Amino acid sequence: MTKNKYHWYDGWFYDKVIAPNQDKLFEQITSLIEPGSGVIDIGCGTGRLAFSLAAKCKTVLGIDLSERNIDRARFSLSLHPDDKISFQHHDISDLISNGQDHFDFAVFTYVIHEVPEEERITLLNEAAIIADKIIIGDYLVPKPGGFGSFLSEVIEFIAGSDHYKNYRSYMSNGGISFLAEKAGFRIINEISNAPLTNHIIILAK
């Protein structure tokens, strides 16, 4: 059964204030996906990446545990209709149990660092059930110096105590590369620090 998990900033605030800062990361990820692919955006937020992907993809499904984010994503879709895009208030286990179609790519952007440490490998393994390849965009570890890293630390702290605890765990445990190795995934490609402080990695079983 889907949980309704949300942060204080979900919905309108996330859509207008937070999501636009991720556009450079979204551009990088979009460039890595082959034309005509089917993509599931896990933890899609208010759907900004989905609209970027739709121009080159066959289908894009965005899922999120925050009903407020999904409502906002659907509102944006009502303003800019696109038959390739859909948004659902689901988690991955819902899709697996419902026999969801298989995808070429599963994408996580700034999701893994906020997941509790004990759930991260399970999440990746579930994504591998429904997609051939997994793209993760998240913070670069070790963290580079400079104002960007300082700002990221402040933002994660403001997000809330549980969120910040998970972020600190993610950073101290080696980030995406360590997690991929621990979970038994192959690294197909990776881009570090472009845009600044970010790490993009493509994984497959």
Protein backbone atom coordinates (compact mmCIF):
# COMPACT_ATOMS: atom_id res chain seq x y z
CA MET A 1 0.00 0.00 0.00
CA THR A 2 1.40 3.39 -0.96
CA LYS A 3 2.58 5.63 1.86
CA ASN A 4 2.00 9.36 1.73
CA LYS A 5 5.41 10.71 2.63
CA TYR A 6 6.02 14.41 2.26
CA HIS A 7 8.26 17.28 3.30
CA TRP A 8 7.19 20.76 4.32
CA TYR A 9 8.45 22.11 0.98
CA ASP A 10 6.57 19.70 -1.32
CA GLY A 11 4.10 20.90 -3.92
CA TRP A 12 4.09 24.52 -5.05
CA PHE A 13 7.25 25.57 -3.17
CA TYR A 14 9.28 22.64 -4.49
CA ASP A 15 8.06 23.27 -8.03
CA LYS A 16 8.86 26.98 -8.07
CA VAL A 17 11.89 27.30 -5.80
CA ILE A 18 13.79 24.00 -5.58
CA ALA A 19 13.23 22.09 -8.82
CA PRO A 20 14.54 24.81 -11.20
CA ASN A 21 17.97 24.52 -9.53
CA GLN A 22 18.21 20.96 -10.82
CA ASP A 23 17.83 21.82 -14.51
CA LYS A 24 21.52 21.36 -15.35
CA LEU A 25 21.49 17.91 -13.77
CA PHE A 26 18.31 17.07 -15.67
CA GLU A 27 19.94 18.16 -18.94
CA GLN A 28 22.89 15.83 -18.31
CA ILE A 29 20.61 12.91 -17.52
CA THR A 30 18.42 13.56 -20.55
CA SER A 31 21.52 13.50 -22.77
CA LEU A 32 22.42 10.02 -21.47
CA ILE A 33 19.11 8.40 -22.40
CA GLU A 34 18.68 6.89 -25.85
CA PRO A 35 15.86 8.24 -28.04
CA GLY A 36 12.69 6.16 -27.93
CA SER A 37 13.34 4.81 -24.44
CA GLY A 38 10.74 4.07 -21.82
CA VAL A 39 11.66 5.77 -18.53
CA ILE A 40 10.39 5.64 -14.96
CA ASP A 41 11.34 8.65 -12.82
CA ILE A 42 11.35 7.40 -9.22
CA GLY A 43 10.84 10.16 -6.69
CA CYS A 44 9.83 12.46 -9.54
CA GLY A 45 8.93 15.42 -7.34
CA THR A 46 6.73 17.82 -9.28
CA GLY A 47 7.63 16.24 -12.63
CA ARG A 48 10.15 18.68 -14.07
CA LEU A 49 12.49 15.96 -15.39
CA ALA A 50 9.59 14.11 -17.02
CA PHE A 51 8.79 17.10 -19.21
CA SER A 52 12.45 17.33 -20.21
CA LEU A 53 12.58 13.63 -21.13
CA ALA A 54 9.32 13.51 -23.07
CA ALA A 55 10.82 15.18 -26.15
CA LYS A 56 13.07 12.18 -26.81
CA CYS A 57 11.42 9.27 -24.96
CA LYS A 58 8.61 6.91 -25.88
CA THR A 59 6.99 7.05 -22.43
CA VAL A 60 7.81 8.67 -19.09
CA LEU A 61 6.16 7.57 -15.85
CA GLY A 62 6.82 9.66 -12.76
CA ILE A 63 6.12 8.20 -9.33
CA ASP A 64 6.47 9.82 -5.91
CA LEU A 65 5.46 9.08 -2.33
CA SER A 66 4.36 12.69 -1.84
CA GLU A 67 0.77 13.15 -2.90
CA ARG A 68 1.31 16.92 -2.87
CA ASN A 69 4.14 16.58 -5.40
CA ILE A 70 2.07 14.30 -7.64
CA ASP A 71 -0.88 16.68 -7.49
CA ARG A 72 1.41 19.51 -8.58
CA ALA A 73 2.92 17.37 -11.38
CA ARG A 74 -0.55 16.49 -12.65
CA PHE A 75 -1.53 20.15 -12.52
CA SER A 76 1.49 21.02 -14.71
CA LEU A 77 0.55 18.20 -17.08
CA SER A 78 -2.99 19.60 -17.35
CA LEU A 79 -1.49 22.92 -18.46
CA HIS A 80 0.93 21.27 -20.90
CA PRO A 81 -0.71 18.01 -22.03
CA ASP A 82 1.59 15.27 -23.32
CA ASP A 83 0.35 11.72 -23.95
CA LYS A 84 3.83 10.34 -23.28
CA ILE A 85 3.81 11.49 -19.63
CA SER A 86 1.92 10.11 -16.65
CA PHE A 87 2.24 10.59 -12.90
CA GLN A 88 1.24 8.16 -10.16
CA HIS A 89 1.24 8.27 -6.37
CA HIS A 90 3.01 4.93 -5.96
CA ASP A 91 6.21 3.35 -4.71
CA ILE A 92 8.18 0.73 -6.65
CA SER A 93 6.75 -2.22 -4.73
CA ASP A 94 3.25 -1.16 -5.85
CA LEU A 95 4.34 -1.30 -9.49
CA ILE A 96 6.04 -4.68 -9.09
CA SER A 97 3.00 -6.23 -7.42
CA ASN A 98 0.70 -4.71 -10.06
CA GLY A 99 2.77 -6.12 -12.94
CA GLN A 100 3.90 -2.74 -14.26
CA ASP A 101 5.45 -2.67 -17.75
CA HIS A 102 9.24 -2.90 -17.99
CA PHE A 103 11.33 0.22 -18.66
CA ASP A 104 14.63 0.90 -20.38
CA PHE A 105 15.74 3.27 -17.62
CA ALA A 106 14.86 3.97 -14.00
CA VAL A 107 16.01 7.40 -12.84
CA PHE A 108 16.64 8.69 -9.32
CA THR A 109 17.55 12.36 -8.88
CA TYR A 110 18.37 13.53 -5.36
CA VAL A 111 16.41 10.60 -3.93
CA ILE A 112 18.98 8.08 -2.68
CA HIS A 113 20.60 10.43 -0.15
CA GLU A 114 17.30 11.01 1.64
CA VAL A 115 16.40 7.30 1.89
CA PRO A 116 17.28 5.59 5.21
CA GLU A 117 20.54 3.67 4.92
CA GLU A 118 18.94 0.26 5.48
CA GLU A 119 16.49 0.80 2.59
CA ARG A 120 18.86 1.96 -0.16
CA ILE A 121 19.96 -1.40 -1.54
CA THR A 122 16.40 -2.72 -1.50
CA LEU A 123 15.31 0.32 -3.48
CA LEU A 124 17.99 -0.23 -6.14
CA ASN A 125 17.19 -3.94 -6.41
CA GLU A 126 13.50 -3.15 -6.87
CA ALA A 127 14.36 -0.64 -9.59
CA ALA A 128 16.41 -3.34 -11.35
CA ILE A 129 13.32 -5.55 -11.50
CA ILE A 130 11.39 -3.03 -13.59
CA ALA A 131 14.21 -1.40 -15.61
CA ASP A 132 17.26 -2.51 -17.60
CA LYS A 133 19.48 0.37 -16.45
CA ILE A 134 19.43 2.74 -13.49
CA ILE A 135 20.58 6.36 -13.62
CA ILE A 136 21.29 8.07 -10.31
CA GLY A 137 21.98 11.78 -9.96
CA ASP A 138 22.98 12.83 -6.47
CA TYR A 139 25.68 14.51 -4.43
CA LEU A 140 29.32 13.88 -5.24
CA VAL A 141 31.31 12.09 -2.53
CA PRO A 142 33.78 13.15 -1.25
CA LYS A 143 32.24 16.58 -1.22
CA PRO A 144 34.25 19.21 -3.14
CA GLY A 145 35.06 22.48 -1.44
CA GLY A 146 33.44 25.80 -2.22
CA PHE A 147 30.18 27.65 -1.74
CA GLY A 148 28.11 25.08 -3.64
CA SER A 149 28.92 22.35 -1.15
CA PHE A 150 28.26 24.68 1.77
CA LEU A 151 24.89 25.63 0.32
CA SER A 152 23.97 21.98 -0.20
CA GLU A 153 24.76 21.27 3.45
CA VAL A 154 22.53 24.14 4.57
CA ILE A 155 19.65 23.02 2.33
CA GLU A 156 19.82 19.45 3.61
CA PHE A 157 19.86 20.67 7.21
CA ILE A 158 16.80 22.86 6.64
CA ALA A 159 14.93 19.91 5.09
CA GLY A 160 14.47 18.35 8.54
CA SER A 161 16.26 16.22 11.12
CA ASP A 162 15.49 12.80 9.58
CA HIS A 163 16.35 14.05 6.10
CA TYR A 164 19.64 15.51 7.32
CA LYS A 165 20.51 12.31 9.19
CA ASN A 166 20.06 10.27 6.01
CA TYR A 167 22.07 12.80 4.00
CA ARG A 168 24.97 12.60 6.48
CA SER A 169 24.83 8.81 6.35
CA TYR A 170 24.93 8.88 2.55
CA MET A 171 27.93 11.22 2.51
CA SER A 172 29.90 9.37 5.19
CA ASN A 173 29.30 5.97 3.55
CA GLY A 174 30.83 6.86 0.18
CA GLY A 175 27.83 7.97 -1.86
CA ILE A 176 26.63 6.28 -5.04
CA SER A 177 29.83 4.40 -5.93
CA PHE A 178 30.01 2.63 -2.57
CA LEU A 179 26.31 1.80 -2.67
CA ALA A 180 26.50 0.41 -6.21
CA GLU A 181 29.41 -1.87 -5.30
CA LYS A 182 27.72 -3.06 -2.12
CA ALA A 183 24.52 -3.84 -4.03
CA GLY A 184 26.38 -5.76 -6.76
CA PHE A 185 25.70 -3.40 -9.68
CA ARG A 186 28.00 -2.72 -12.62
CA ILE A 187 28.95 0.89 -13.30
CA ILE A 188 28.41 1.55 -17.01
CA ASN A 189 29.16 5.27 -17.05
CA GLU A 190 29.59 8.15 -14.64
CA ILE A 191 29.99 11.93 -14.67
CA SER A 192 31.40 13.75 -11.65
CA ASN A 193 31.20 17.43 -10.68
CA ALA A 194 29.34 18.48 -13.83
CA PRO A 195 27.26 20.29 -12.78
CA LEU A 196 29.24 21.21 -9.68
CA THR A 197 28.90 18.97 -6.58
CA ASN A 198 26.88 16.37 -8.54
CA HIS A 199 27.56 12.74 -9.39
CA ILE A 200 25.68 10.95 -12.17
CA ILE A 201 26.10 7.22 -12.54
CA ILE A 202 24.53 4.58 -14.82
CA LEU A 203 24.16 1.12 -13.29
CA ALA A 204 23.07 -2.34 -14.44
CA LYS A 205 22.95 -5.76 -12.84
